[in-house]
PDB file of N, CA and C in Angstrom:
ATOM      1  N   MET A   1     154.360 100.043-173.008  1.00  0.00           N
ATOM      2  CA  MET A   1     154.004  98.989-172.104  1.00  0.00           C
ATOM      3  C   MET A   1     152.544  99.066-171.685  1.00  0.00           C
ATOM      4  N   LEU A   2     152.085 100.230-171.468  1.00  0.00           N
ATOM      5  CA  LEU A   2     150.691 100.428-171.092  1.00  0.00           C
ATOM      6  C   LEU A   2     149.766  99.933-172.206  1.00  0.00           C
ATOM      7  N   ARG A   3     150.181 100.179-173.374  1.00  0.00           N
ATOM      8  CA  ARG A   3     149.381  99.749-174.509  1.00  0.00           C
ATOM      9  C   ARG A   3     149.362  98.229-174.581  1.00  0.00           C
ATOM     10  N   ASN A   4     150.420  97.622-174.281  1.00  0.00           N
ATOM     11  CA  ASN A   4     150.511  96.169-174.265  1.00  0.00           C
ATOM     12  C   ASN A   4     149.610  95.574-173.178  1.00  0.00           C
ATOM     13  N   GLU A   5     149.560  96.185-172.048  1.00  0.00           N
ATOM     14  CA  GLU A   5     148.719  95.715-170.944  1.00  0.00           C
ATOM     15  C   GLU A   5     147.237  95.842-171.317  1.00  0.00           C
ATOM     16  N   ARG A   6     146.909  96.982-171.947  1.00  0.00           N
ATOM     17  CA  ARG A   6     145.522  97.174-172.365  1.00  0.00           C
ATOM     18  C   ARG A   6     145.130  96.137-173.409  1.00  0.00           C
ATOM     19  N   SER A   7     145.987  95.877-174.315  1.00  0.00           N
ATOM     20  CA  SER A   7     145.712  94.873-175.332  1.00  0.00           C
ATOM     21  C   SER A   7     145.526  93.513-174.688  1.00  0.00           C
ATOM     22  N   GLN A   8     146.346  93.241-173.699  1.00  0.00           N
ATOM     23  CA  GLN A   8     146.247  91.958-173.003  1.00  0.00           C
ATOM     24  C   GLN A   8     144.915  91.854-172.246  1.00  0.00           C
ATOM     25  N   ILE A   9     144.485  92.945-171.652  1.00  0.00           N
ATOM     26  CA  ILE A   9     143.217  92.970-170.911  1.00  0.00           C
ATOM     27  C   ILE A   9     142.057  92.750-171.891  1.00  0.00           C
ATOM     28  N   VAL A  10     142.117  93.429-173.029  1.00  0.00           N
ATOM     29  CA  VAL A  10     141.058  93.284-174.025  1.00  0.00           C
ATOM     30  C   VAL A  10     141.025  91.847-174.535  1.00  0.00           C
ATOM     31  N   ILE A  11     142.174  91.283-174.792  1.00  0.00           N
ATOM     32  CA  ILE A  11     142.242  89.898-175.270  1.00  0.00           C
ATOM     33  C   ILE A  11     141.693  88.957-174.209  1.00  0.00           C
ATOM     34  N   THR A  12     142.062  89.190-172.952  1.00  0.00           N
ATOM     35  CA  THR A  12     141.589  88.348-171.856  1.00  0.00           C
ATOM     36  C   THR A  12     140.060  88.468-171.737  1.00  0.00           C
ATOM     37  N   LEU A  13     139.560  89.695-171.766  1.00  0.00           N
ATOM     38  CA  LEU A  13     138.110  89.914-171.680  1.00  0.00           C
ATOM     39  C   LEU A  13     137.398  89.231-172.856  1.00  0.00           C
ATOM     40  N   HIS A  14     137.967  89.397-174.032  1.00  0.00           N
ATOM     41  CA  HIS A  14     137.376  88.760-175.216  1.00  0.00           C
ATOM     42  C   HIS A  14     137.351  87.248-175.061  1.00  0.00           C
ATOM     43  N   ASN A  15     138.456  86.678-174.584  1.00  0.00           N
ATOM     44  CA  ASN A  15     138.525  85.229-174.396  1.00  0.00           C
ATOM     45  C   ASN A  15     137.522  84.757-173.340  1.00  0.00           C
ATOM     46  N   GLU A  16     137.393  85.492-172.239  1.00  0.00           N
ATOM     47  CA  GLU A  16     136.455  85.104-171.172  1.00  0.00           C
ATOM     48  C   GLU A  16     135.005  85.219-171.670  1.00  0.00           C
ATOM     49  N   MET A  17     134.715  86.317-172.410  1.00  0.00           N
ATOM     50  CA  MET A  17     133.370  86.493-172.950  1.00  0.00           C
ATOM     51  C   MET A  17     133.052  85.391-173.967  1.00  0.00           C
ATOM     52  N   SER A  18     134.053  85.063-174.782  1.00  0.00           N
ATOM     53  CA  SER A  18     133.855  83.988-175.754  1.00  0.00           C
ATOM     54  C   SER A  18     133.581  82.676-175.029  1.00  0.00           C
ATOM     55  N   GLN A  19     134.298  82.425-173.947  1.00  0.00           N
ATOM     56  CA  GLN A  19     134.112  81.188-173.181  1.00  0.00           C
ATOM     57  C   GLN A  19     132.721  81.161-172.541  1.00  0.00           C
ATOM     58  N   ILE A  20     132.300  82.310-172.017  1.00  0.00           N
ATOM     59  CA  ILE A  20     130.959  82.398-171.411  1.00  0.00           C
ATOM     60  C   ILE A  20     129.893  82.138-172.483  1.00  0.00           C
ATOM     61  N   ILE A  21     130.060  82.755-173.663  1.00  0.00           N
ATOM     62  CA  ILE A  21     129.083  82.573-174.743  1.00  0.00           C
ATOM     63  C   ILE A  21     129.065  81.114-175.204  1.00  0.00           C
ATOM     64  N   ILE A  22     130.249  80.493-175.316  1.00  0.00           N
ATOM     65  CA  ILE A  22     130.316  79.080-175.711  1.00  0.00           C
ATOM     66  C   ILE A  22     129.635  78.213-174.662  1.00  0.00           C
ATOM     67  N   THR A  23     129.896  78.502-173.394  1.00  0.00           N
ATOM     68  CA  THR A  23     129.276  77.733-172.301  1.00  0.00           C
ATOM     69  C   THR A  23     127.753  77.893-172.339  1.00  0.00           C
ATOM     70  N   LEU A  24     127.292  79.157-172.478  1.00  0.00           N
ATOM     71  CA  LEU A  24     125.840  79.400-172.559  1.00  0.00           C
ATOM     72  C   LEU A  24     125.234  78.687-173.768  1.00  0.00           C
ATOM     73  N   HIS A  25     125.902  78.759-174.882  1.00  0.00           N
ATOM     74  CA  HIS A  25     125.421  78.087-176.089  1.00  0.00           C
ATOM     75  C   HIS A  25     125.328  76.582-175.860  1.00  0.00           C
ATOM     76  N   ASN A  26     126.362  76.004-175.256  1.00  0.00           N
ATOM     77  CA  ASN A  26     126.358  74.558-174.992  1.00  0.00           C
ATOM     78  C   ASN A  26     125.243  74.171-174.017  1.00  0.00           C
ATOM     79  N   GLU A  27     125.069  74.982-172.964  1.00  0.00           N
ATOM     80  CA  GLU A  27     124.008  74.675-171.993  1.00  0.00           C
ATOM     81  C   GLU A  27     122.626  74.815-172.637  1.00  0.00           C
ATOM     82  N   MET A  28     122.417  75.878-173.427  1.00  0.00           N
ATOM     83  CA  MET A  28     121.139  76.069-174.115  1.00  0.00           C
ATOM     84  C   MET A  28     120.893  74.925-175.102  1.00  0.00           C
ATOM     85  N   SER A  29     121.937  74.530-175.813  1.00  0.00           N
ATOM     86  CA  SER A  29     121.808  73.411-176.755  1.00  0.00           C
ATOM     87  C   SER A  29     121.419  72.142-176.006  1.00  0.00           C
ATOM     88  N   GLN A  30     122.029  71.915-174.850  1.00  0.00           N
ATOM     89  CA  GLN A  30     121.715  70.718-174.058  1.00  0.00           C
ATOM     90  C   GLN A  30     120.266  70.770-173.563  1.00  0.00           C
ATOM     91  N   ILE A  31     119.827  71.959-173.135  1.00  0.00           N
ATOM     92  CA  ILE A  31     118.437  72.120-172.682  1.00  0.00           C
ATOM     93  C   ILE A  31     117.471  71.845-173.841  1.00  0.00           C
ATOM     94  N   ILE A  32     117.787  72.398-175.007  1.00  0.00           N
ATOM     95  CA  ILE A  32     116.923  72.194-176.181  1.00  0.00           C
ATOM     96  C   ILE A  32     116.896  70.717-176.578  1.00  0.00           C
ATOM     97  N   ILE A  33     118.047  70.066-176.549  1.00  0.00           N
ATOM     98  CA  ILE A  33     118.093  68.628-176.877  1.00  0.00           C
ATOM     99  C   ILE A  33     117.276  67.826-175.870  1.00  0.00           C
ATOM    100  N   THR A  34     117.450  68.166-174.577  1.00  0.00           N
ATOM    101  CA  THR A  34     116.688  67.468-173.529  1.00  0.00           C
ATOM    102  C   THR A  34     115.188  67.667-173.735  1.00  0.00           C
ATOM    103  N   LEU A  35     114.773  68.915-173.973  1.00  0.00           N
ATOM    104  CA  LEU A  35     113.341  69.199-174.203  1.00  0.00           C
ATOM    105  C   LEU A  35     112.838  68.452-175.439  1.00  0.00           C
ATOM    106  N   HIS A  36     113.635  68.476-176.487  1.00  0.00           N
ATOM    107  CA  HIS A  36     113.251  67.777-177.713  1.00  0.00           C
ATOM    108  C   HIS A  36     113.081  66.289-177.456  1.00  0.00           C
ATOM    109  N   ASN A  37     113.967  65.721-176.666  1.00  0.00           N
ATOM    110  CA  ASN A  37     113.894  64.287-176.357  1.00  0.00           C
ATOM    111  C   ASN A  37     112.726  63.961-175.421  1.00  0.00           C
ATOM    112  N   GLU A  38     112.415  64.865-174.509  1.00  0.00           N
ATOM    113  CA  GLU A  38     111.351  64.601-173.530  1.00  0.00           C
ATOM    114  C   GLU A  38     109.967  64.959-174.061  1.00  0.00           C
ATOM    115  N   MET A  39     109.865  65.831-175.062  1.00  0.00           N
ATOM    116  CA  MET A  39     108.560  66.267-175.562  1.00  0.00           C
ATOM    117  C   MET A  39     107.673  65.104-176.021  1.00  0.00           C
ATOM    118  N   PRO A  40     108.186  64.129-176.770  1.00  0.00           N
ATOM    119  CA  PRO A  40     107.297  63.023-177.151  1.00  0.00           C
ATOM    120  C   PRO A  40     106.694  62.315-175.942  1.00  0.00           C
ATOM    121  N   GLN A  41     107.491  62.117-174.895  1.00  0.00           N
ATOM    122  CA  GLN A  41     106.962  61.450-173.703  1.00  0.00           C
ATOM    123  C   GLN A  41     105.955  62.351-172.990  1.00  0.00           C
ATOM    124  N   ILE A  42     106.238  63.635-172.947  1.00  0.00           N
ATOM    125  CA  ILE A  42     105.300  64.580-172.331  1.00  0.00           C
ATOM    126  C   ILE A  42     103.981  64.568-173.109  1.00  0.00           C
ATOM    127  N   ILE A  43     104.070  64.589-174.432  1.00  0.00           N
ATOM    128  CA  ILE A  43     102.856  64.573-175.271  1.00  0.00           C
ATOM    129  C   ILE A  43     102.092  63.264-175.068  1.00  0.00           C
ATOM    130  N   ILE A  44     102.798  62.151-174.997  1.00  0.00           N
ATOM    131  CA  ILE A  44     102.150  60.843-174.768  1.00  0.00           C
ATOM    132  C   ILE A  44     101.458  60.839-173.408  1.00  0.00           C
ATOM    133  N   THR A  45     102.150  61.364-172.392  1.00  0.00           N
ATOM    134  CA  THR A  45     101.570  61.412-171.045  1.00  0.00           C
ATOM    135  C   THR A  45     100.302  62.274-171.031  1.00  0.00           C
ATOM    136  N   ILE A  46     100.386  63.441-171.647  1.00  0.00           N
ATOM    137  CA  ILE A  46      99.203  64.321-171.705  1.00  0.00           C
ATOM    138  C   ILE A  46      98.072  63.627-172.468  1.00  0.00           C
ATOM    139  N   HIS A  47      98.404  62.983-173.578  1.00  0.00           N
ATOM    140  CA  HIS A  47      97.388  62.270-174.363  1.00  0.00           C
ATOM    141  C   HIS A  47      96.740  61.167-173.526  1.00  0.00           C
ATOM    142  N   ASN A  48      97.550  60.397-172.811  1.00  0.00           N
ATOM    143  CA  ASN A  48      97.014  59.315-171.985  1.00  0.00           C
ATOM    144  C   ASN A  48      96.117  59.845-170.874  1.00  0.00           C
ATOM    145  N   GLU A  49      96.544  60.925-170.232  1.00  0.00           N
ATOM    146  CA  GLU A  49      95.721  61.502-169.158  1.00  0.00           C
ATOM    147  C   GLU A  49      94.408  62.049-169.716  1.00  0.00           C
ATOM    148  N   MET A  50      94.478  62.733-170.864  1.00  0.00           N
ATOM    149  CA  MET A  50      93.258  63.256-171.479  1.00  0.00           C
ATOM    150  C   MET A  50      92.334  62.115-171.900  1.00  0.00           C
ATOM    151  N   SER A  51      92.911  61.044-172.441  1.00  0.00           N
ATOM    152  CA  SER A  51      92.099  59.885-172.834  1.00  0.00           C
ATOM    153  C   SER A  51      91.403  59.292-171.618  1.00  0.00           C
ATOM    154  N   GLN A  52      92.124  59.201-170.504  1.00  0.00           N
ATOM    155  CA  GLN A  52      91.532  58.646-169.284  1.00  0.00           C
ATOM    156  C   GLN A  52      90.411  59.550-168.779  1.00  0.00           C
ATOM    157  N   ILE A  53      90.618  60.850-168.846  1.00  0.00           N
ATOM    158  CA  ILE A  53      89.577  61.797-168.422  1.00  0.00           C
ATOM    159  C   ILE A  53      88.340  61.640-169.311  1.00  0.00           C
ATOM    160  N   ILE A  54      88.550  61.533-170.617  1.00  0.00           N
ATOM    161  CA  ILE A  54      87.419  61.381-171.553  1.00  0.00           C
ATOM    162  C   ILE A  54      86.680  60.061-171.289  1.00  0.00           C
ATOM    163  N   ILE A  55      87.433  58.980-171.047  1.00  0.00           N
ATOM    164  CA  ILE A  55      86.799  57.680-170.754  1.00  0.00           C
ATOM    165  C   ILE A  55      85.967  57.786-169.472  1.00  0.00           C
ATOM    166  N   THR A  56      86.543  58.420-168.455  1.00  0.00           N
ATOM    167  CA  THR A  56      85.823  58.575-167.185  1.00  0.00           C
ATOM    168  C   THR A  56      84.565  59.414-167.381  1.00  0.00           C
ATOM    169  N   LEU A  57      84.693  60.521-168.107  1.00  0.00           N
ATOM    170  CA  LEU A  57      83.521  61.369-168.368  1.00  0.00           C
ATOM    171  C   LEU A  57      82.454  60.599-169.138  1.00  0.00           C
ATOM    172  N   HIS A  58      82.879  59.820-170.133  1.00  0.00           N
ATOM    173  CA  HIS A  58      81.921  59.032-170.911  1.00  0.00           C
ATOM    174  C   HIS A  58      81.183  58.038-170.013  1.00  0.00           C
ATOM    175  N   LYS A  59      81.918  57.356-169.139  1.00  0.00           N
ATOM    176  CA  LYS A  59      81.276  56.392-168.234  1.00  0.00           C
ATOM    177  C   LYS A  59      80.283  57.087-167.319  1.00  0.00           C
ATOM    178  N   GLU A  60      80.684  58.243-166.765  1.00  0.00           N
ATOM    179  CA  GLU A  60      79.788  58.966-165.861  1.00  0.00           C
ATOM    180  C   GLU A  60      78.553  59.473-166.603  1.00  0.00           C
ATOM    181  N   MET A  61      78.757  60.008-167.815  1.00  0.00           N
ATOM    182  CA  MET A  61      77.616  60.492-168.596  1.00  0.00           C
ATOM    183  C   MET A  61      76.691  59.332-168.966  1.00  0.00           C
ATOM    184  N   SER A  62      77.265  58.196-169.325  1.00  0.00           N
ATOM    185  CA  SER A  62      76.444  57.026-169.662  1.00  0.00           C
ATOM    186  C   SER A  62      75.615  56.605-168.457  1.00  0.00           C
ATOM    187  N   GLN A  63      76.227  56.616-167.285  1.00  0.00           N
ATOM    188  CA  GLN A  63      75.497  56.227-166.075  1.00  0.00           C
ATOM    189  C   GLN A  63      74.383  57.227-165.780  1.00  0.00           C
ATOM    190  N   ILE A  64      74.671  58.510-165.973  1.00  0.00           N
ATOM    191  CA  ILE A  64      73.648  59.535-165.740  1.00  0.00           C
ATOM    192  C   ILE A  64      72.490  59.331-166.720  1.00  0.00           C
ATOM    193  N   ILE A  65      72.811  59.061-167.991  1.00  0.00           N
ATOM    194  CA  ILE A  65      71.760  58.855-168.998  1.00  0.00           C
ATOM    195  C   ILE A  65      70.928  57.614-168.666  1.00  0.00           C
ATOM    196  N   ILE A  66      71.593  56.537-168.243  1.00  0.00           N
ATOM    197  CA  ILE A  66      70.869  55.317-167.870  1.00  0.00           C
ATOM    198  C   ILE A  66      69.944  55.600-166.685  1.00  0.00           C
ATOM    199  N   THR A  67      70.463  56.315-165.689  1.00  0.00           N
ATOM    200  CA  THR A  67      69.656  56.647-164.507  1.00  0.00           C
ATOM    201  C   THR A  67      68.460  57.510-164.896  1.00  0.00           C
ATOM    202  N   LEU A  68      68.701  58.523-165.731  1.00  0.00           N
ATOM    203  CA  LEU A  68      67.604  59.380-166.176  1.00  0.00           C
ATOM    204  C   LEU A  68      66.559  58.582-166.962  1.00  0.00           C
ATOM    205  N   HIS A  69      67.031  57.685-167.825  1.00  0.00           N
ATOM    206  CA  HIS A  69      66.106  56.858-168.599  1.00  0.00           C
ATOM    207  C   HIS A  69      65.240  56.001-167.670  1.00  0.00           C
ATOM    208  N   MET A  70      65.867  55.387-166.674  1.00  0.00           N
ATOM    209  CA  MET A  70      65.115  54.545-165.739  1.00  0.00           C
ATOM    210  C   MET A  70      64.105  55.374-164.952  1.00  0.00           C
ATOM    211  N   GLU A  71      64.517  56.553-164.494  1.00  0.00           N
ATOM    212  CA  GLU A  71      63.599  57.405-163.737  1.00  0.00           C
ATOM    213  C   GLU A  71      62.435  57.878-164.621  1.00  0.00           C
ATOM    214  N   MET A  72      62.747  58.255-165.866  1.00  0.00           N
ATOM    215  CA  MET A  72      61.687  58.684-166.774  1.00  0.00           C
ATOM    216  C   MET A  72      60.730  57.532-167.078  1.00  0.00           C
ATOM    217  N   SER A  73      61.276  56.338-167.281  1.00  0.00           N
ATOM    218  CA  SER A  73      60.431  55.172-167.544  1.00  0.00           C
ATOM    219  C   SER A  73      59.505  54.917-166.355  1.00  0.00           C
ATOM    220  N   GLN A  74      60.050  55.013-165.141  1.00  0.00           N
ATOM    221  CA  GLN A  74      59.233  54.786-163.946  1.00  0.00           C
ATOM    222  C   GLN A  74      58.153  55.858-163.843  1.00  0.00           C
ATOM    223  N   MET A  75      58.520  57.104-164.167  1.00  0.00           N
ATOM    224  CA  MET A  75      57.520  58.182-164.130  1.00  0.00           C
ATOM    225  C   MET A  75      56.412  57.928-165.152  1.00  0.00           C
ATOM    226  N   LEU A  76      56.798  57.474-166.355  1.00  0.00           N
ATOM    227  CA  LEU A  76      55.796  57.194-167.389  1.00  0.00           C
ATOM    228  C   LEU A  76      54.889  56.033-166.972  1.00  0.00           C
ATOM    229  N   ILE A  77      55.471  55.012-166.360  1.00  0.00           N
ATOM    230  CA  ILE A  77      54.652  53.881-165.883  1.00  0.00           C
ATOM    231  C   ILE A  77      53.658  54.369-164.840  1.00  0.00           C
ATOM    232  N   THR A  78      54.150  55.193-163.905  1.00  0.00           N
ATOM    233  CA  THR A  78      53.271  55.723-162.859  1.00  0.00           C
ATOM    234  C   THR A  78      52.171  56.589-163.470  1.00  0.00           C
ATOM    235  N   LEU A  79      52.543  57.463-164.415  1.00  0.00           N
ATOM    236  CA  LEU A  79      51.543  58.305-165.077  1.00  0.00           C
ATOM    237  C   LEU A  79      50.518  57.458-165.824  1.00  0.00           C
ATOM    238  N   HIS A  80      50.997  56.411-166.501  1.00  0.00           N
ATOM    239  CA  HIS A  80      50.086  55.536-167.226  1.00  0.00           C
ATOM    240  C   HIS A  80      49.107  54.876-166.259  1.00  0.00           C
ATOM    241  N   LYS A  81      49.608  54.383-165.124  1.00  0.00           N
ATOM    242  CA  LYS A  81      48.726  53.746-164.132  1.00  0.00           C
ATOM    243  C   LYS A  81      47.703  54.745-163.611  1.00  0.00           C
ATOM    244  N   ASP A  82      48.180  55.965-163.288  1.00  0.00           N
ATOM    245  CA  ASP A  82      47.275  56.994-162.768  1.00  0.00           C
ATOM    246  C   ASP A  82      46.206  57.348-163.798  1.00  0.00           C
ATOM    247  N   LEU A  83      46.659  57.531-165.061  1.00  0.00           N
ATOM    248  CA  LEU A  83      45.704  57.884-166.112  1.00  0.00           C
ATOM    249  C   LEU A  83      44.729  56.742-166.382  1.00  0.00           C
ATOM    250  N   SER A  84      45.235  55.518-166.375  1.00  0.00           N
ATOM    251  CA  SER A  84      44.358  54.361-166.592  1.00  0.00           C
ATOM    252  C   SER A  84      43.307  54.294-165.492  1.00  0.00           C
ATOM    253  N   GLN A  85      43.730  54.512-164.249  1.00  0.00           N
ATOM    254  CA  GLN A  85      42.778  54.471-163.135  1.00  0.00           C
ATOM    255  C   GLN A  85      41.759  55.597-163.267  1.00  0.00           C
ATOM    256  N   THR A  86      42.224  56.757-163.704  1.00  0.00           N
ATOM    257  CA  THR A  86      41.306  57.889-163.899  1.00  0.00           C
ATOM    258  C   THR A  86      40.299  57.577-164.998  1.00  0.00           C
ATOM    259  N   VAL A  87      40.776  56.993-166.099  1.00  0.00           N
ATOM    260  CA  VAL A  87      39.873  56.633-167.201  1.00  0.00           C
ATOM    261  C   VAL A  87      38.857  55.586-166.738  1.00  0.00           C
ATOM    262  N   ILE A  88      39.309  54.598-165.983  1.00  0.00           N
ATOM    263  CA  ILE A  88      38.387  53.560-165.468  1.00  0.00           C
ATOM    264  C   ILE A  88      37.342  54.193-164.557  1.00  0.00           C
ATOM    265  N   THR A  89      37.793  55.084-163.674  1.00  0.00           N
ATOM    266  CA  THR A  89      36.862  55.758-162.759  1.00  0.00           C
ATOM    267  C   THR A  89      35.841  56.579-163.534  1.00  0.00           C
ATOM    268  N   LEU A  90      36.332  57.352-164.518  1.00  0.00           N
ATOM    269  CA  LEU A  90      35.411  58.154-165.333  1.00  0.00           C
ATOM    270  C   LEU A  90      34.433  57.265-166.095  1.00  0.00           C
ATOM    271  N   HIS A  91      34.937  56.160-166.656  1.00  0.00           N
ATOM    272  CA  HIS A  91      34.056  55.229-167.379  1.00  0.00           C
ATOM    273  C   HIS A  91      32.971  54.690-166.448  1.00  0.00           C
ATOM    274  N   ASN A  92      33.362  54.275-165.249  1.00  0.00           N
ATOM    275  CA  ASN A  92      32.383  53.731-164.298  1.00  0.00           C
ATOM    276  C   ASN A  92      31.353  54.791-163.899  1.00  0.00           C
ATOM    277  N   GLU A  93      31.824  56.014-163.648  1.00  0.00           N
ATOM    278  CA  GLU A  93      30.895  57.078-163.258  1.00  0.00           C
ATOM    279  C   GLU A  93      29.945  57.412-164.409  1.00  0.00           C
ATOM    280  N   LEU A  94      30.499  57.513-165.646  1.00  0.00           N
ATOM    281  CA  LEU A  94      29.642  57.796-166.793  1.00  0.00           C
ATOM    282  C   LEU A  94      28.646  56.656-167.042  1.00  0.00           C
ATOM    283  N   SER A  95      29.111  55.420-166.886  1.00  0.00           N
ATOM    284  CA  SER A  95      28.198  54.275-167.051  1.00  0.00           C
ATOM    285  C   SER A  95      27.060  54.356-166.043  1.00  0.00           C
ATOM    286  N   GLN A  96      27.398  54.713-164.809  1.00  0.00           N
ATOM    287  CA  GLN A  96      26.358  54.816-163.767  1.00  0.00           C
ATOM    288  C   GLN A  96      25.387  55.936-164.100  1.00  0.00           C
ATOM    289  N   ILE A  97      25.910  57.059-164.593  1.00  0.00           N
ATOM    290  CA  ILE A  97      25.036  58.177-164.977  1.00  0.00           C
ATOM    291  C   ILE A  97      24.123  57.751-166.134  1.00  0.00           C
ATOM    292  N   ILE A  98      24.691  57.050-167.126  1.00  0.00           N
ATOM    293  CA  ILE A  98      23.888  56.596-168.274  1.00  0.00           C
ATOM    294  C   ILE A  98      22.814  55.613-167.822  1.00  0.00           C
ATOM    295  N   ILE A  99      23.182  54.691-166.937  1.00  0.00           N
ATOM    296  CA  ILE A  99      22.190  53.721-166.426  1.00  0.00           C
ATOM    297  C   ILE A  99      21.083  54.451-165.678  1.00  0.00           C
ATOM    298  N   THR A 100      21.458  55.413-164.838  1.00  0.00           N
ATOM    299  CA  THR A 100      20.462  56.176-164.080  1.00  0.00           C
ATOM    300  C   THR A 100      19.544  56.942-165.030  1.00  0.00           C
ATOM    301  N   LEU A 101      20.159  57.624-166.030  1.00  0.00           N
ATOM    302  CA  LEU A 101      19.340  58.355-167.009  1.00  0.00           C
ATOM    303  C   LEU A 101      18.421  57.405-167.784  1.00  0.00           C
ATOM    304  N   HIS A 102      18.956  56.247-168.181  1.00  0.00           N
ATOM    305  CA  HIS A 102      18.134  55.260-168.901  1.00  0.00           C
ATOM    306  C   HIS A 102      16.948  54.817-168.042  1.00  0.00           C
ATOM    307  N   ASN A 103      17.214  54.518-166.776  1.00  0.00           N
ATOM    308  CA  ASN A 103      16.131  54.069-165.882  1.00  0.00           C
ATOM    309  C   ASN A 103      15.088  55.165-165.680  1.00  0.00           C
ATOM    310  N   GLU A 104      15.565  56.410-165.486  1.00  0.00           N
ATOM    311  CA  GLU A 104      14.624  57.514-165.278  1.00  0.00           C
ATOM    312  C   GLU A 104      13.799  57.763-166.546  1.00  0.00           C
ATOM    313  N   LEU A 105      14.477  57.737-167.727  1.00  0.00           N
ATOM    314  CA  LEU A 105      13.752  57.941-168.981  1.00  0.00           C
ATOM    315  C   LEU A 105      12.754  56.797-169.224  1.00  0.00           C
ATOM    316  N   SER A 106      13.172  55.571-168.907  1.00  0.00           N
ATOM    317  CA  SER A 106      12.258  54.426-169.066  1.00  0.00           C
ATOM    318  C   SER A 106      11.035  54.617-168.168  1.00  0.00           C
ATOM    319  N   GLN A 107      11.282  55.073-166.934  1.00  0.00           N
ATOM    320  CA  GLN A 107      10.155  55.285-166.014  1.00  0.00           C
ATOM    321  C   GLN A 107       9.237  56.384-166.528  1.00  0.00           C
ATOM    322  N   ILE A 108       9.830  57.461-167.078  1.00  0.00           N
ATOM    323  CA  ILE A 108       9.021  58.556-167.631  1.00  0.00           C
ATOM    324  C   ILE A 108       8.209  58.049-168.824  1.00  0.00           C
ATOM    325  N   ILE A 109       8.848  57.239-169.691  1.00  0.00           N
ATOM    326  CA  ILE A 109       8.143  56.706-170.871  1.00  0.00           C
ATOM    327  C   ILE A 109       6.999  55.785-170.427  1.00  0.00           C
ATOM    328  N   ILE A 110       7.272  54.928-169.436  1.00  0.00           N
ATOM    329  CA  ILE A 110       6.211  54.026-168.929  1.00  0.00           C
ATOM    330  C   ILE A 110       5.061  54.840-168.352  1.00  0.00           C
ATOM    331  N   THR A 111       5.418  55.860-167.565  1.00  0.00           N
ATOM    332  CA  THR A 111       4.370  56.714-166.965  1.00  0.00           C
ATOM    333  C   THR A 111       3.559  57.403-168.062  1.00  0.00           C
ATOM    334  N   LEU A 112       4.275  57.979-169.062  1.00  0.00           N
ATOM    335  CA  LEU A 112       3.568  58.640-170.168  1.00  0.00           C
ATOM    336  C   LEU A 112       2.700  57.640-170.931  1.00  0.00           C
ATOM    337  N   HIS A 113       3.228  56.435-171.161  1.00  0.00           N
ATOM    338  CA  HIS A 113       2.461  55.415-171.866  1.00  0.00           C
ATOM    339  C   HIS A 113       1.191  55.061-171.087  1.00  0.00           C
ATOM    340  N   ASN A 114       1.342  54.886-169.779  1.00  0.00           N
ATOM    341  CA  ASN A 114       0.171  54.534-168.958  1.00  0.00           C
ATOM    342  C   ASN A 114      -0.860  55.667-168.962  1.00  0.00           C
ATOM    343  N   GLU A 115      -0.368  56.920-168.850  1.00  0.00           N
ATOM    344  CA  GLU A 115      -1.305  58.048-168.834  1.00  0.00           C
ATOM    345  C   GLU A 115      -2.006  58.183-170.190  1.00  0.00           C
ATOM    346  N   LEU A 116      -1.205  58.024-171.293  1.00  0.00           N
ATOM    347  CA  LEU A 116      -1.820  58.096-172.618  1.00  0.00           C
ATOM    348  C   LEU A 116      -2.823  56.955-172.807  1.00  0.00           C
ATOM    349  N   SER A 117      -2.497  55.778-172.302  1.00  0.00           N
ATOM    350  CA  SER A 117      -3.430  54.647-172.403  1.00  0.00           C
ATOM    351  C   SER A 117      -4.719  54.971-171.655  1.00  0.00           C
ATOM    352  N   GLN A 118      -4.596  55.579-170.489  1.00  0.00           N
ATOM    353  CA  GLN A 118      -5.799  55.958-169.719  1.00  0.00           C
ATOM    354  C   GLN A 118      -6.630  56.982-170.481  1.00  0.00           C
ATOM    355  N   ILE A 119      -5.906  57.948-171.120  1.00  0.00           N
ATOM    356  CA  ILE A 119      -6.616  58.971-171.894  1.00  0.00           C
ATOM    357  C   ILE A 119      -7.330  58.323-173.084  1.00  0.00           C
ATOM    358  N   VAL A 120      -6.640  57.415-173.799  1.00  0.00           N
ATOM    359  CA  VAL A 120      -7.239  56.747-174.953  1.00  0.00           C
ATOM    360  C   VAL A 120      -8.458  55.916-174.503  1.00  0.00           C
ATOM    361  N   ILE A 121      -8.311  55.211-173.394  1.00  0.00           N
ATOM    362  CA  ILE A 121      -9.445  54.399-172.888  1.00  0.00           C
ATOM    363  C   ILE A 121     -10.620  55.305-172.542  1.00  0.00           C
ATOM    364  N   ALA A 122     -10.318  56.431-171.876  1.00  0.00           N
ATOM    365  CA  ALA A 122     -11.398  57.359-171.488  1.00  0.00           C
ATOM    366  C   ALA A 122     -12.062  57.933-172.741  1.00  0.00           C
ATOM    367  N   LEU A 123     -11.241  58.327-173.733  1.00  0.00           N
ATOM    368  CA  LEU A 123     -11.799  58.872-174.976  1.00  0.00           C
ATOM    369  C   LEU A 123     -12.637  57.806-175.691  1.00  0.00           C
ATOM    370  N   HIS A 124     -12.149  56.576-175.683  1.00  0.00           N
ATOM    371  CA  HIS A 124     -12.863  55.483-176.331  1.00  0.00           C
ATOM    372  C   HIS A 124     -14.215  55.269-175.654  1.00  0.00           C
ATOM    373  N   LYS A 125     -14.241  55.305-174.337  1.00  0.00           N
ATOM    374  CA  LYS A 125     -15.494  55.118-173.600  1.00  0.00           C
ATOM    375  C   LYS A 125     -16.454  56.256-173.883  1.00  0.00           C
ATOM    376  N   ASN A 126     -15.909  57.469-173.962  1.00  0.00           N
ATOM    377  CA  ASN A 126     -16.759  58.646-174.225  1.00  0.00           C
ATOM    378  C   ASN A 126     -17.339  58.597-175.639  1.00  0.00           C
ATOM    379  N   CYS A 127     -16.610  58.032-176.548  1.00  0.00           N
ATOM    380  CA  CYS A 127     -17.086  57.942-177.926  1.00  0.00           C
ATOM    381  C   CYS A 127     -18.253  56.947-178.027  1.00  0.00           C
ATOM    382  N   HIS A 128     -18.315  55.924-177.207  1.00  0.00           N
ATOM    383  CA  HIS A 128     -19.346  54.905-177.280  1.00  0.00           C
ATOM    384  C   HIS A 128     -20.530  55.192-176.386  1.00  0.00           C
ATOM    385  N   LYS A 129     -20.627  56.256-175.755  1.00  0.00           N
ATOM    386  CA  LYS A 129     -21.752  56.584-174.902  1.00  0.00           C
ATOM    387  C   LYS A 129     -22.919  57.068-175.622  1.00  0.00           C
TER     388      LYS A 129
END
């Protein structure tokens, strides 16, 4: 009788363990099926969110590039104006220096011409004495 009871206990334990394993297998299978069914939607959602992030980043980068371009253009315009004004100022100053040098050289040449003329006249008079 004891042997019969032990056999019955082993059979009962085996049946309960088999039922637990079947239940676990069924639940795991259901989880895997659910995950398999939901994965395409999860992938689509992730793709859509990543696409939106990329679009937003592209718009922000484009705006930054446009802003930088405008600022650089304004800086170049300002530099061009400053350089143009500097060139005009230098041209005017150099022109004034050239005019002054021309006038001074002309005066020196006139003075030398007059002095040489006086010397030639004096020499001419001395030759006829």
